[in-house]
Protein backbone atom coordinates (compact mmCIF):
# COMPACT_ATOMS: atom_id res chain seq x y z
CA VAL A 1 2.20 17.45 -1.48
CA ILE A 2 5.21 16.85 0.77
CA PHE A 3 3.45 13.92 2.48
CA GLU A 4 2.65 12.29 -0.86
CA THR A 5 6.17 12.80 -2.20
CA LEU A 6 7.77 11.29 0.91
CA ALA A 7 5.31 8.40 0.86
CA TYR A 8 6.05 7.64 -2.81
CA ILE A 9 9.79 7.77 -2.16
CA PHE A 10 9.36 5.38 0.78
CA ILE A 11 7.19 3.03 -1.31
CA THR A 12 9.76 3.00 -4.11
CA VAL A 13 12.72 2.38 -1.81
CA TRP A 14 10.82 -0.26 0.18
CA SER A 15 9.80 -2.03 -3.05
CA LEU A 16 13.42 -2.22 -4.14
CA TYR A 17 14.41 -3.49 -0.69
CA LEU A 18 11.70 -6.16 -0.90
CA LEU A 19 13.08 -7.27 -4.26
CA VAL A 20 16.53 -7.68 -2.70
CA LEU A 21 15.07 -9.64 0.24
CA MET A 22 13.08 -11.87 -2.11
CA ARG A 23 16.08 -12.45 -4.38
CA ASN A 24 18.25 -13.41 -1.39
CA GLU A 25 15.44 -15.59 0.04
CA ASP A 26 15.70 -13.72 3.33
CA LYS A 27 13.48 -14.92 6.17
CA ARG A 28 12.38 -11.32 6.86
CA PHE A 29 10.70 -11.04 3.46
CA PRO A 30 7.18 -12.27 4.43
CA ASN A 31 6.86 -9.88 7.38
CA TYR A 32 8.28 -6.93 5.48
CA TYR A 33 5.98 -7.71 2.55
CA ILE A 34 2.96 -7.57 4.83
CA PHE A 35 4.24 -4.33 6.40
CA PHE A 36 4.51 -2.90 2.87
CA PHE A 37 0.80 -3.57 2.24
CA LEU A 38 -0.16 -2.16 5.64
CA PHE A 39 1.81 1.01 4.93
CA ILE A 40 0.03 1.47 1.58
CA ILE A 41 -3.37 0.96 3.22
CA ALA A 42 -2.51 3.51 5.96
CA TYR A 43 -1.26 5.94 3.31
CA ASP A 44 -4.47 5.59 1.30
CA ILE A 45 -6.63 6.21 4.39
CA ILE A 46 -4.62 9.26 5.52
CA ASP A 47 -4.67 10.67 1.99
CA LEU A 48 -8.42 10.14 1.75
CA ILE A 49 -9.02 11.88 5.08
CA ALA A 50 -6.84 14.81 4.00
CA LEU A 51 -8.74 15.05 0.71
CA ARG A 52 -12.08 15.23 2.52
CA MET A 53 -10.80 17.94 4.89
CA LEU A 54 -9.75 20.35 2.12
CA ALA A 55 -11.60 23.61 1.56
CA TYR A 56 -12.78 23.78 -2.05
CA PRO A 57 -13.28 27.04 -3.99
CA SER A 58 -16.43 25.78 -5.71
CA GLU A 59 -18.93 22.98 -5.55
CA GLU A 60 -17.73 21.66 -8.92
CA MET A 61 -14.18 21.34 -7.59
CA ARG A 62 -15.52 19.63 -4.49
CA ALA A 63 -17.41 17.08 -6.60
CA LEU A 64 -14.36 16.47 -8.78
CA PHE A 65 -12.03 15.89 -5.82
CA LEU A 66 -14.53 13.73 -3.94
CA SER A 67 -14.97 11.52 -7.02
CA GLU A 68 -11.19 11.04 -6.89
CA GLY A 69 -11.64 10.13 -3.22
CA ASP A 70 -14.08 7.41 -4.22
CA LYS A 71 -11.44 5.98 -6.58
CA MET A 72 -8.90 6.11 -3.76
CA LEU A 73 -11.30 4.25 -1.46
CA PHE A 74 -11.78 1.57 -4.11
CA GLN A 75 -7.99 1.29 -4.47
CA ALA A 76 -7.59 0.91 -0.69
CA GLY A 77 -10.18 -1.88 -0.78
CA ARG A 78 -8.23 -3.64 -3.53
CA THR A 79 -5.05 -3.32 -1.48
CA VAL A 80 -6.78 -4.84 1.57
CA LEU A 81 -7.97 -7.73 -0.60
CA ALA A 82 -4.45 -8.23 -1.99
CA LEU A 83 -3.06 -8.22 1.55
CA ILE A 84 -5.56 -10.85 2.66
CA ILE A 85 -4.81 -13.11 -0.31
CA TRP A 86 -1.05 -12.69 -0.70
CA GLY A 87 -0.22 -12.15 2.95
CA THR A 88 -2.00 -15.36 3.88
CA TYR A 89 -0.35 -17.21 1.01
CA ILE A 90 3.15 -16.11 1.95
CA LYS A 91 2.70 -16.79 5.66
CA VAL A 92 0.85 -20.14 5.41
CA SER A 93 1.89 -21.86 2.18
CA ARG A 94 4.75 -24.35 2.36
CA ARG A 95 5.46 -23.76 -1.30
CA ALA A 96 5.80 -20.01 -0.73
CA LYS A 97 8.13 -20.61 2.21
CA HIS A 98 10.36 -22.76 0.00
CA THR A 99 10.23 -20.18 -2.78
CA PHE A 100 10.78 -16.97 -0.81
CA VAL A 101 12.65 -18.07 2.32
CA LYS A 102 15.76 -20.23 2.80
């Protein structure tokens, strides 16, 4: 619970910081944006591993929590896909460089 709370606080603060960087067209924005996605992917993987390591009081609880794990795995896959698409766009596109970076 503490890990998740700290991670969500970090994600919220980092999101706000990214908004400031984007608004100011700071040259650090593309790299920090990619780091943001990498952090979320790492968080999802660590959270999934922790979920699988838990001791469950019953088989029904185990099935319920592991089905949540499958949803988390799907979400991590979507985040990887978003990183590939948007990370590439921000790093390669001339238009994105003119939009997000001075």
